Amino acid sequence: MSKPGIIFDIKRYSIHDGPGTRTTVHFKGCPLSCWWCHNPESRSAAPALLFRDEKCIACGSCVKACPRHAVSVRNGALVTDEGLCVGCGACCDACPAEARELCGRPCTVDELMPQLAKDEIFFREGGGVTFSGGEPLMQPEFLIEALDACGRVGYHRAIDTSGFAGKSVILETAKRADIFLYDIKHMDPGRHKEFTGVDNAVILENLVAISEAGAKINVRVPFMPGLNSGDENIKATGSFVSRLKGVVGVNILPYHTVAKGKHDRWHMDYRLNDLLPPTDAQTHHAAGILESFGLKVHIGG
């Protein structure tokens, strides 16, 4: 039996996570804390219980279902004792109103492969499997085993990554991945750390390393007005990327407000409440700068 990883979602029929129609496996855990994070529930590496109080009908099904008595009613409200809760998901499965959701469940590669096989017809027509997150490189053993298993049956393999990982880890995955979807969030190390919680030195070094190792790379630039949209940063991005080997294109990913909705849903703080999506003029201006470096640029996923 293979060692389990922790995944929180398997998205089918994705057309924005690599070439063709793909199945995207989302890994739990991320070492970054981006202000605009679209999957804030994925940051913790451990399974986490999420609760939408506005959907709760106070039926008590979760209280009865919990094998460790971690869920109880106190002062008329449902309370989860985190010391007792082990994230088994029994309360979520029992909730008729879908007010409780378990984000992250153990999954072995042996369990994952039959799920992927359901979409094999799309893989044979130019699609494949994308390993995303969170950050898939945070679970290297599970990721490498899954890459190997997909390779044995001929599935195209993409890794959607921030690049923040040990160099030996990313180079091992580079031996197996057919393409990297690689984020460049900001070229300035100070601004990068401000917006994501980590310096960008390791990220840029790893991008150079997989480029030199012969990897195929699609660079992705999340585009946030006022944060990383300035001409100086876009020019620095174009200059850096244009010197790399194996880059097949650059995707500009315009900011949108889906992230705010997710933060609101799970009662998480969001730092960009007043940020508006970029205009078409702003986005096309940035695309023109990148194209001036000889890069093939696409707006959107």
C-alpha atoms as a PDB file:
ATOM      1  CA  MET A   1       0.000   0.000   0.000  1.00  0.00           C
ATOM      2  CA  SER A   2       1.410   3.395  -0.993  1.00  0.00           C
ATOM      3  CA  LYS A   3       1.904   6.160   1.554  1.00  0.00           C
ATOM      4  CA  PRO A   4      -1.082   8.523   1.567  1.00  0.00           C
ATOM      5  CA  GLY A   5      -0.955  12.161   0.668  1.00  0.00           C
ATOM      6  CA  ILE A   6      -3.492  14.783   1.696  1.00  0.00           C
ATOM      7  CA  ILE A   7      -5.634  16.172  -1.113  1.00  0.00           C
ATOM      8  CA  PHE A   8      -8.611  18.499  -0.841  1.00  0.00           C
ATOM      9  CA  ASP A   9     -10.157  18.384  -4.299  1.00  0.00           C
ATOM     10  CA  ILE A  10     -10.134  16.659  -7.668  1.00  0.00           C
ATOM     11  CA  LYS A  11     -11.434  18.965 -10.387  1.00  0.00           C
ATOM     12  CA  ARG A  12     -12.547  17.379 -13.642  1.00  0.00           C
ATOM     13  CA  TYR A  13     -12.877  18.930 -17.095  1.00  0.00           C
ATOM     14  CA  SER A  14     -10.443  21.763 -16.363  1.00  0.00           C
ATOM     15  CA  ILE A  15      -9.284  23.752 -19.380  1.00  0.00           C
ATOM     16  CA  HIS A  16      -7.059  26.258 -17.556  1.00  0.00           C
ATOM     17  CA  ASP A  17      -4.526  23.964 -15.879  1.00  0.00           C
ATOM     18  CA  GLY A  18      -2.392  22.912 -18.813  1.00  0.00           C
ATOM     19  CA  PRO A  19      -2.957  21.688 -22.370  1.00  0.00           C
ATOM     20  CA  GLY A  20      -6.263  20.084 -23.318  1.00  0.00           C
ATOM     21  CA  THR A  21      -9.006  18.946 -20.971  1.00  0.00           C
ATOM     22  CA  ARG A  22      -7.472  17.980 -17.659  1.00  0.00           C
ATOM     23  CA  THR A  23      -8.148  16.531 -14.251  1.00  0.00           C
ATOM     24  CA  THR A  24      -6.546  18.646 -11.525  1.00  0.00           C
ATOM     25  CA  VAL A  25      -5.556  17.092  -8.218  1.00  0.00           C
ATOM     26  CA  HIS A  26      -5.317  19.695  -5.467  1.00  0.00           C
ATOM     27  CA  PHE A  27      -2.796  18.974  -2.703  1.00  0.00           C
ATOM     28  CA  LYS A  28      -3.285  20.336   0.808  1.00  0.00           C
ATOM     29  CA  GLY A  29      -0.719  22.709   2.248  1.00  0.00           C
ATOM     30  CA  CYS A  30       1.164  25.732   0.943  1.00  0.00           C
ATOM     31  CA  PRO A  31       4.280  27.519   2.278  1.00  0.00           C
ATOM     32  CA  LEU A  32       3.100  30.854   0.846  1.00  0.00           C
ATOM     33  CA  SER A  33       0.353  33.126   2.136  1.00  0.00           C
ATOM     34  CA  CYS A  34      -0.490  35.217  -0.927  1.00  0.00           C
ATOM     35  CA  TRP A  35      -2.828  38.122  -0.300  1.00  0.00           C
ATOM     36  CA  TRP A  36      -4.936  37.093  -3.311  1.00  0.00           C
ATOM     37  CA  CYS A  37      -4.946  33.349  -2.595  1.00  0.00           C
ATOM     38  CA  HIS A  38      -7.817  31.597  -4.395  1.00  0.00           C
ATOM     39  CA  ASN A  39      -7.665  28.516  -2.161  1.00  0.00           C
ATOM     40  CA  PRO A  40      -7.132  29.917   1.351  1.00  0.00           C
ATOM     41  CA  GLU A  41      -8.617  26.763   2.862  1.00  0.00           C
ATOM     42  CA  SER A  42      -5.660  24.818   1.447  1.00  0.00           C
ATOM     43  CA  ARG A  43      -2.849  26.622   3.291  1.00  0.00           C
ATOM     44  CA  SER A  44      -2.639  24.284   6.275  1.00  0.00           C
ATOM     45  CA  ALA A  45      -1.080  20.921   5.457  1.00  0.00           C
ATOM     46  CA  ALA A  46      -3.493  19.071   7.728  1.00  0.00           C
ATOM     47  CA  PRO A  47      -7.149  18.270   7.042  1.00  0.00           C
ATOM     48  CA  ALA A  48      -9.348  21.077   8.336  1.00  0.00           C
ATOM     49  CA  LEU A  49     -13.023  21.351   9.202  1.00  0.00           C
ATOM     50  CA  LEU A  50     -14.770  24.290   7.567  1.00  0.00           C
ATOM     51  CA  PHE A  51     -18.124  25.502   8.828  1.00  0.00           C
ATOM     52  CA  ARG A  52     -20.727  27.741   7.194  1.00  0.00           C
ATOM     53  CA  ASP A  53     -22.934  28.898  10.041  1.00  0.00           C
ATOM     54  CA  GLU A  54     -25.462  30.477   7.668  1.00  0.00           C
ATOM     55  CA  LYS A  55     -26.279  27.023   6.256  1.00  0.00           C
ATOM     56  CA  CYS A  56     -26.552  25.227   9.590  1.00  0.00           C
ATOM     57  CA  ILE A  57     -30.103  24.083  10.456  1.00  0.00           C
ATOM     58  CA  ALA A  58     -29.175  23.022  14.006  1.00  0.00           C
ATOM     59  CA  CYS A  59     -30.409  19.459  13.453  1.00  0.00           C
ATOM     60  CA  GLY A  60     -27.733  17.885  15.667  1.00  0.00           C
ATOM     61  CA  SER A  61     -26.696  15.253  13.085  1.00  0.00           C
ATOM     62  CA  CYS A  62     -23.038  16.220  13.425  1.00  0.00           C
ATOM     63  CA  VAL A  63     -23.145  15.849  17.200  1.00  0.00           C
ATOM     64  CA  LYS A  64     -24.530  12.330  16.926  1.00  0.00           C
ATOM     65  CA  ALA A  65     -22.128  11.325  14.142  1.00  0.00           C
ATOM     66  CA  CYS A  66     -18.845  12.375  15.770  1.00  0.00           C
ATOM     67  CA  PRO A  67     -17.101   9.239  17.102  1.00  0.00           C
ATOM     68  CA  ARG A  68     -14.896  11.277  19.468  1.00  0.00           C
ATOM     69  CA  HIS A  69     -17.653  13.577  20.809  1.00  0.00           C
ATOM     70  CA  ALA A  70     -15.712  16.580  19.530  1.00  0.00           C
ATOM     71  CA  VAL A  71     -18.876  18.373  18.390  1.00  0.00           C
ATOM     72  CA  SER A  72     -21.282  19.690  20.995  1.00  0.00           C
ATOM     73  CA  VAL A  73     -23.892  22.363  21.591  1.00  0.00           C
ATOM     74  CA  ARG A  74     -22.940  25.156  23.963  1.00  0.00           C
ATOM     75  CA  ASN A  75     -25.168  28.130  24.666  1.00  0.00           C
ATOM     76  CA  GLY A  76     -27.268  27.198  21.667  1.00  0.00           C
ATOM     77  CA  ALA A  77     -24.330  27.104  19.240  1.00  0.00           C
ATOM     78  CA  LEU A  78     -22.383  24.232  17.722  1.00  0.00           C
ATOM     79  CA  VAL A  79     -18.799  24.062  18.967  1.00  0.00           C
ATOM     80  CA  THR A  80     -15.955  21.836  17.752  1.00  0.00           C
ATOM     81  CA  ASP A  81     -13.274  20.886  20.269  1.00  0.00           C
ATOM     82  CA  GLU A  82     -10.100  21.016  18.174  1.00  0.00           C
ATOM     83  CA  GLY A  83      -8.263  18.976  20.796  1.00  0.00           C
ATOM     84  CA  LEU A  84     -10.607  16.045  20.266  1.00  0.00           C
ATOM     85  CA  CYS A  85     -11.247  16.449  16.531  1.00  0.00           C
ATOM     86  CA  VAL A  86      -9.075  14.265  14.287  1.00  0.00           C
ATOM     87  CA  GLY A  87     -10.596  15.439  10.992  1.00  0.00           C
ATOM     88  CA  CYS A  88     -12.279  12.150  10.148  1.00  0.00           C
ATOM     89  CA  GLY A  89     -15.124  13.915   8.328  1.00  0.00           C
ATOM     90  CA  ALA A  90     -17.947  11.930   9.953  1.00  0.00           C
ATOM     91  CA  CYS A  91     -19.775  15.133  10.920  1.00  0.00           C
ATOM     92  CA  CYS A  92     -19.484  16.449   7.357  1.00  0.00           C
ATOM     93  CA  ASP A  93     -20.848  13.252   5.859  1.00  0.00           C
ATOM     94  CA  ALA A  94     -23.804  13.394   8.271  1.00  0.00           C
ATOM     95  CA  CYS A  95     -24.698  17.056   7.696  1.00  0.00           C
ATOM     96  CA  PRO A  96     -27.845  17.273   5.511  1.00  0.00           C
ATOM     97  CA  ALA A  97     -27.428  21.020   4.953  1.00  0.00           C
ATOM     98  CA  GLU A  98     -23.760  20.762   3.819  1.00  0.00           C
ATOM     99  CA  ALA A  99     -22.842  23.335   6.446  1.00  0.00           C
ATOM    100  CA  ARG A 100     -19.731  21.364   7.425  1.00  0.00           C
ATOM    101  CA  GLU A 101     -16.981  20.493   4.988  1.00  0.00           C
ATOM    102  CA  LEU A 102     -13.741  18.600   5.478  1.00  0.00           C
ATOM    103  CA  CYS A 103     -10.954  20.229   3.510  1.00  0.00           C
ATOM    104  CA  GLY A 104      -8.333  17.548   2.979  1.00  0.00           C
ATOM    105  CA  ARG A 105      -8.535  13.782   3.121  1.00  0.00           C
ATOM    106  CA  PRO A 106      -5.821  11.108   3.049  1.00  0.00           C
ATOM    107  CA  CYS A 107      -5.457   9.459  -0.345  1.00  0.00           C
ATOM    108  CA  THR A 108      -2.974   6.879  -1.593  1.00  0.00           C
ATOM    109  CA  VAL A 109      -1.788   6.722  -5.191  1.00  0.00           C
ATOM    110  CA  ASP A 110      -3.505   3.338  -5.408  1.00  0.00           C
ATOM    111  CA  GLU A 111      -6.773   5.094  -4.531  1.00  0.00           C
ATOM    112  CA  LEU A 112      -6.098   8.088  -6.772  1.00  0.00           C
ATOM    113  CA  MET A 113      -5.415   6.250 -10.029  1.00  0.00           C
ATOM    114  CA  PRO A 114      -8.933   4.767 -10.479  1.00  0.00           C
ATOM    115  CA  GLN A 115     -10.322   8.285 -10.023  1.00  0.00           C
ATOM    116  CA  LEU A 116      -8.054   9.591 -12.779  1.00  0.00           C
ATOM    117  CA  ALA A 117      -8.870   6.658 -15.058  1.00  0.00           C
ATOM    118  CA  LYS A 118     -12.479   7.867 -15.256  1.00  0.00           C
ATOM    119  CA  ASP A 119     -11.243  10.759 -17.429  1.00  0.00           C
ATOM    120  CA  GLU A 120      -8.782   8.774 -19.536  1.00  0.00           C
ATOM    121  CA  ILE A 121     -10.660   9.523 -22.762  1.00  0.00           C
ATOM    122  CA  PHE A 122      -9.730  13.205 -22.361  1.00  0.00           C
ATOM    123  CA  PHE A 123      -6.108  12.373 -21.648  1.00  0.00           C
ATOM    124  CA  ARG A 124      -5.886  10.458 -24.915  1.00  0.00           C
ATOM    125  CA  GLU A 125      -7.149  13.534 -26.789  1.00  0.00           C
ATOM    126  CA  GLY A 126      -4.445  15.940 -25.663  1.00  0.00           C
ATOM    127  CA  GLY A 127      -5.373  16.434 -22.017  1.00  0.00           C
ATOM    128  CA  GLY A 128      -3.819  15.029 -18.887  1.00  0.00           C
ATOM    129  CA  VAL A 129      -3.408  15.280 -15.142  1.00  0.00           C
ATOM    130  CA  THR A 130      -2.322  18.438 -13.333  1.00  0.00           C
ATOM    131  CA  PHE A 131      -0.997  18.338  -9.787  1.00  0.00           C
ATOM    132  CA  SER A 132      -1.799  21.618  -8.079  1.00  0.00           C
ATOM    133  CA  GLY A 133      -2.489  22.951  -4.631  1.00  0.00           C
ATOM    134  CA  GLY A 134      -1.964  24.436  -2.286  1.00  0.00           C
ATOM    135  CA  GLU A 135       1.567  23.488  -3.257  1.00  0.00           C
ATOM    136  CA  PRO A 136       2.145  19.939  -4.556  1.00  0.00           C
ATOM    137  CA  LEU A 137       5.890  20.109  -3.897  1.00  0.00           C
ATOM    138  CA  MET A 138       5.119  20.135  -0.153  1.00  0.00           C
ATOM    139  CA  GLN A 139       4.267  16.422  -0.453  1.00  0.00           C
ATOM    140  CA  PRO A 140       7.207  15.219  -2.582  1.00  0.00           C
ATOM    141  CA  GLU A 141       6.969  11.470  -1.904  1.00  0.00           C
ATOM    142  CA  PHE A 142       3.287  11.306  -2.773  1.00  0.00           C
ATOM    143  CA  LEU A 143       3.755  13.607  -5.785  1.00  0.00           C
ATOM    144  CA  ILE A 144       6.670  11.623  -7.238  1.00  0.00           C
ATOM    145  CA  GLU A 145       4.817   8.331  -6.776  1.00  0.00           C
ATOM    146  CA  ALA A 146       1.740   9.796  -8.483  1.00  0.00           C
ATOM    147  CA  LEU A 147       3.861  11.159 -11.353  1.00  0.00           C
ATOM    148  CA  ASP A 148       5.435   7.734 -11.832  1.00  0.00           C
ATOM    149  CA  ALA A 149       2.050   5.999 -11.786  1.00  0.00           C
ATOM    150  CA  CYS A 150       0.643   8.404 -14.366  1.00  0.00           C
ATOM    151  CA  GLY A 151       3.734   7.973 -16.508  1.00  0.00           C
ATOM    152  CA  ARG A 152       3.330   4.195 -16.569  1.00  0.00           C
ATOM    153  CA  VAL A 153      -0.129   4.518 -18.111  1.00  0.00           C
ATOM    154  CA  GLY A 154       0.812   7.325 -20.471  1.00  0.00           C
ATOM    155  CA  TYR A 155      -0.994  10.285 -18.874  1.00  0.00           C
ATOM    156  CA  HIS A 156       0.389  13.740 -19.647  1.00  0.00           C
ATOM    157  CA  ARG A 157       1.641  15.239 -16.352  1.00  0.00           C
ATOM    158  CA  ALA A 158       1.685  18.899 -15.342  1.00  0.00           C
ATOM    159  CA  ILE A 159       2.820  20.450 -12.062  1.00  0.00           C
ATOM    160  CA  ASP A 160       1.246  23.774 -11.089  1.00  0.00           C
ATOM    161  CA  THR A 161       3.675  25.275  -8.580  1.00  0.00           C
ATOM    162  CA  SER A 162       4.956  28.353  -6.810  1.00  0.00           C
ATOM    163  CA  GLY A 163       8.435  26.857  -7.108  1.00  0.00           C
ATOM    164  CA  PHE A 164       9.104  27.281  -3.394  1.00  0.00           C
ATOM    165  CA  ALA A 165      10.734  23.965  -2.497  1.00  0.00           C
ATOM    166  CA  GLY A 166      14.105  22.297  -2.085  1.00  0.00           C
ATOM    167  CA  LYS A 167      16.095  22.168  -5.318  1.00  0.00           C
ATOM    168  CA  SER A 168      16.569  18.397  -5.105  1.00  0.00           C
ATOM    169  CA  VAL A 169      12.792  17.952  -4.814  1.00  0.00           C
ATOM    170  CA  ILE A 170      11.907  20.055  -7.833  1.00  0.00           C
ATOM    171  CA  LEU A 171      14.644  18.467  -9.935  1.00  0.00           C
ATOM    172  CA  GLU A 172      13.310  14.988  -9.113  1.00  0.00           C
ATOM    173  CA  THR A 173       9.851  16.022 -10.247  1.00  0.00           C
ATOM    174  CA  ALA A 174      11.366  17.597 -13.367  1.00  0.00           C
ATOM    175  CA  LYS A 175      12.544  14.130 -14.425  1.00  0.00           C
ATOM    176  CA  ARG A 176       8.898  13.058 -14.566  1.00  0.00           C
ATOM    177  CA  ALA A 177       6.732  16.100 -15.370  1.00  0.00           C
ATOM    178  CA  ASP A 178       5.816  16.872 -18.972  1.00  0.00           C
ATOM    179  CA  ILE A 179       5.302  20.564 -18.190  1.00  0.00           C
ATOM    180  CA  PHE A 180       5.513  22.994 -15.280  1.00  0.00           C
ATOM    181  CA  LEU A 181       2.942  25.730 -14.768  1.00  0.00           C
ATOM    182  CA  TYR A 182       5.261  28.028 -12.851  1.00  0.00           C
ATOM    183  CA  ASP A 183       4.183  31.195 -11.041  1.00  0.00           C
ATOM    184  CA  ILE A 184       6.200  34.386 -11.021  1.00  0.00           C
ATOM    185  CA  LYS A 185       4.373  36.670  -8.615  1.00  0.00           C
ATOM    186  CA  HIS A 186       6.887  39.514  -8.280  1.00  0.00           C
ATOM    187  CA  MET A 187      10.508  40.070  -9.281  1.00  0.00           C
ATOM    188  CA  ASP A 188      11.390  42.314  -6.339  1.00  0.00           C
ATOM    189  CA  PRO A 189      12.322  40.125  -3.336  1.00  0.00           C
ATOM    190  CA  GLY A 190      11.024  42.603  -0.752  1.00  0.00           C
ATOM    191  CA  ARG A 191       7.673  43.079  -2.448  1.00  0.00           C
ATOM    192  CA  HIS A 192       7.410  39.344  -3.042  1.00  0.00           C
ATOM    193  CA  LYS A 193       7.900  38.669   0.652  1.00  0.00           C
ATOM    194  CA  GLU A 194       5.385  41.373   1.567  1.00  0.00           C
ATOM    195  CA  PHE A 195       2.668  39.905  -0.659  1.00  0.00           C
ATOM    196  CA  THR A 196       3.366  36.181  -0.214  1.00  0.00           C
ATOM    197  CA  GLY A 197       5.246  35.763   3.069  1.00  0.00           C
ATOM    198  CA  VAL A 198       8.425  34.386   1.440  1.00  0.00           C
ATOM    199  CA  ASP A 199      11.408  35.732  -0.466  1.00  0.00           C
ATOM    200  CA  ASN A 200      11.570  34.890  -4.181  1.00  0.00           C
ATOM    201  CA  ALA A 201      15.238  33.822  -4.326  1.00  0.00           C
ATOM    202  CA  VAL A 202      14.531  30.076  -4.045  1.00  0.00           C
ATOM    203  CA  ILE A 203      11.679  30.354  -6.543  1.00  0.00           C
ATOM    204  CA  LEU A 204      13.801  32.029  -9.212  1.00  0.00           C
ATOM    205  CA  GLU A 205      16.762  29.724  -8.572  1.00  0.00           C
ATOM    206  CA  ASN A 206      14.551  26.670  -8.966  1.00  0.00           C
ATOM    207  CA  LEU A 207      13.074  28.051 -12.176  1.00  0.00           C
ATOM    208  CA  VAL A 208      16.579  28.401 -13.606  1.00  0.00           C
ATOM    209  CA  ALA A 209      17.443  24.895 -12.383  1.00  0.00           C
ATOM    210  CA  ILE A 210      14.519  23.136 -14.084  1.00  0.00           C
ATOM    211  CA  SER A 211      15.112  25.207 -17.205  1.00  0.00           C
ATOM    212  CA  GLU A 212      18.719  24.006 -17.359  1.00  0.00           C
ATOM    213  CA  ALA A 213      17.498  20.456 -16.685  1.00  0.00           C
ATOM    214  CA  GLY A 214      15.426  20.541 -19.878  1.00  0.00           C
ATOM    215  CA  ALA A 215      11.954  21.053 -18.424  1.00  0.00           C
ATOM    216  CA  LYS A 216       9.097  22.441 -20.481  1.00  0.00           C
ATOM    217  CA  ILE A 217       7.745  25.533 -18.700  1.00  0.00           C
ATOM    218  CA  ASN A 218       4.648  27.690 -18.949  1.00  0.00           C
ATOM    219  CA  VAL A 219       5.219  30.787 -16.815  1.00  0.00           C
ATOM    220  CA  ARG A 220       2.127  32.212 -15.139  1.00  0.00           C
ATOM    221  CA  VAL A 221       1.940  35.779 -13.869  1.00  0.00           C
ATOM    222  CA  PRO A 222      -0.922  36.595 -11.472  1.00  0.00           C
ATOM    223  CA  PHE A 223      -1.696  40.215 -12.406  1.00  0.00           C
ATOM    224  CA  MET A 224      -2.868  42.505  -9.589  1.00  0.00           C
ATOM    225  CA  PRO A 225      -3.260  46.251 -10.204  1.00  0.00           C
ATOM    226  CA  GLY A 226      -1.013  48.233  -7.894  1.00  0.00           C
ATOM    227  CA  LEU A 227       0.743  45.172  -6.502  1.00  0.00           C
ATOM    228  CA  ASN A 228       2.787  43.756  -9.374  1.00  0.00           C
ATOM    229  CA  SER A 229       1.359  45.535 -12.442  1.00  0.00           C
ATOM    230  CA  GLY A 230       3.960  48.285 -12.715  1.00  0.00           C
ATOM    231  CA  ASP A 231       6.005  48.527 -15.895  1.00  0.00           C
ATOM    232  CA  GLU A 232       9.280  48.069 -13.999  1.00  0.00           C
ATOM    233  CA  ASN A 233       8.174  44.723 -12.577  1.00  0.00           C
ATOM    234  CA  ILE A 234       6.709  43.498 -15.882  1.00  0.00           C
ATOM    235  CA  LYS A 235       9.911  44.447 -17.722  1.00  0.00           C
ATOM    236  CA  ALA A 236      12.007  42.649 -15.088  1.00  0.00           C
ATOM    237  CA  THR A 237       9.800  39.577 -15.501  1.00  0.00           C
ATOM    238  CA  GLY A 238      10.139  39.630 -19.291  1.00  0.00           C
ATOM    239  CA  SER A 239      13.909  40.091 -19.138  1.00  0.00           C
ATOM    240  CA  PHE A 240      14.334  37.182 -16.717  1.00  0.00           C
ATOM    241  CA  VAL A 241      11.986  34.747 -18.459  1.00  0.00           C
ATOM    242  CA  SER A 242      13.312  35.495 -21.948  1.00  0.00           C
ATOM    243  CA  ARG A 243      16.737  34.185 -20.927  1.00  0.00           C
ATOM    244  CA  LEU A 244      15.398  30.797 -19.831  1.00  0.00           C
ATOM    245  CA  LYS A 245      15.344  27.623 -21.876  1.00  0.00           C
ATOM    246  CA  GLY A 246      12.180  25.588 -22.340  1.00  0.00           C
ATOM    247  CA  VAL A 247       9.634  28.377 -21.863  1.00  0.00           C
ATOM    248  CA  VAL A 248       6.700  27.681 -24.189  1.00  0.00           C
ATOM    249  CA  GLY A 249       4.675  30.710 -23.176  1.00  0.00           C
ATOM    250  CA  VAL A 250       3.605  33.194 -20.522  1.00  0.00           C
ATOM    251  CA  ASN A 251       0.076  33.446 -19.176  1.00  0.00           C
ATOM    252  CA  ILE A 252      -1.101  36.683 -17.595  1.00  0.00           C
ATOM    253  CA  LEU A 253      -3.776  35.809 -15.037  1.00  0.00           C
ATOM    254  CA  PRO A 254      -5.872  38.928 -14.326  1.00  0.00           C
ATOM    255  CA  TYR A 255      -6.986  39.329 -10.731  1.00  0.00           C
ATOM    256  CA  HIS A 256     -10.658  38.632 -10.033  1.00  0.00           C
ATOM    257  CA  THR A 257     -12.800  38.683  -6.904  1.00  0.00           C
ATOM    258  CA  VAL A 258     -13.420  34.934  -6.500  1.00  0.00           C
ATOM    259  CA  ALA A 259     -10.738  34.924  -3.792  1.00  0.00           C
ATOM    260  CA  LYS A 260     -12.712  37.425  -1.699  1.00  0.00           C
ATOM    261  CA  GLY A 261     -15.798  35.217  -1.854  1.00  0.00           C
ATOM    262  CA  LYS A 262     -13.852  32.225  -0.584  1.00  0.00           C
ATOM    263  CA  HIS A 263     -12.346  34.174   2.294  1.00  0.00           C
ATOM    264  CA  ASP A 264     -15.788  35.452   3.229  1.00  0.00           C
ATOM    265  CA  ARG A 265     -17.296  31.978   3.044  1.00  0.00           C
ATOM    266  CA  TRP A 266     -14.803  30.535   5.498  1.00  0.00           C
ATOM    267  CA  HIS A 267     -14.628  33.649   7.721  1.00  0.00           C
ATOM    268  CA  MET A 268     -11.001  34.345   6.832  1.00  0.00           C
ATOM    269  CA  ASP A 269      -9.404  37.784   6.734  1.00  0.00           C
ATOM    270  CA  TYR A 270      -8.898  39.179   3.224  1.00  0.00           C
ATOM    271  CA  ARG A 271      -6.465  42.017   2.589  1.00  0.00           C
ATOM    272  CA  LEU A 272      -7.632  43.086  -0.864  1.00  0.00           C
ATOM    273  CA  ASN A 273     -11.279  43.950  -0.238  1.00  0.00           C
ATOM    274  CA  ASP A 274     -11.025  47.176  -2.227  1.00  0.00           C
ATOM    275  CA  LEU A 275      -8.942  45.849  -5.125  1.00  0.00           C
ATOM    276  CA  LEU A 276     -10.679  45.872  -8.503  1.00  0.00           C
ATOM    277  CA  PRO A 277      -9.767  43.597 -11.439  1.00  0.00           C
ATOM    278  CA  PRO A 278      -7.428  45.141 -14.025  1.00  0.00           C
ATOM    279  CA  THR A 279      -8.918  46.813 -17.068  1.00  0.00           C
ATOM    280  CA  ASP A 280      -8.409  45.295 -20.505  1.00  0.00           C
ATOM    281  CA  ALA A 281      -6.104  48.201 -21.298  1.00  0.00           C
ATOM    282  CA  GLN A 282      -3.892  47.459 -18.289  1.00  0.00           C
ATOM    283  CA  THR A 283      -3.707  43.765 -19.091  1.00  0.00           C
ATOM    284  CA  HIS A 284      -2.940  44.258 -22.779  1.00  0.00           C
ATOM    285  CA  HIS A 285      -0.303  46.860 -21.919  1.00  0.00           C
ATOM    286  CA  ALA A 286       1.489  44.317 -19.714  1.00  0.00           C
ATOM    287  CA  ALA A 287       1.159  41.669 -22.445  1.00  0.00           C
ATOM    288  CA  GLY A 288       2.762  44.044 -24.924  1.00  0.00           C
ATOM    289  CA  ILE A 289       5.749  44.591 -22.642  1.00  0.00           C
ATOM    290  CA  LEU A 290       6.304  40.838 -22.259  1.00  0.00           C
ATOM    291  CA  GLU A 291       5.905  40.295 -26.001  1.00  0.00           C
ATOM    292  CA  SER A 292       8.629  42.886 -26.627  1.00  0.00           C
ATOM    293  CA  PHE A 293      11.037  40.351 -25.089  1.00  0.00           C
ATOM    294  CA  GLY A 294      10.087  37.789 -27.721  1.00  0.00           C
ATOM    295  CA  LEU A 295       7.764  35.846 -25.441  1.00  0.00           C
ATOM    296  CA  LYS A 296       4.530  34.181 -26.524  1.00  0.00           C
ATOM    297  CA  VAL A 297       1.889  35.717 -24.253  1.00  0.00           C
ATOM    298  CA  HIS A 298      -1.668  34.630 -23.552  1.00  0.00           C
ATOM    299  CA  ILE A 299      -4.151  36.496 -21.329  1.00  0.00           C
ATOM    300  CA  GLY A 300      -6.043  34.157 -19.028  1.00  0.00           C
ATOM    301  CA  GLY A 301      -5.543  30.590 -17.852  1.00  0.00           C
END
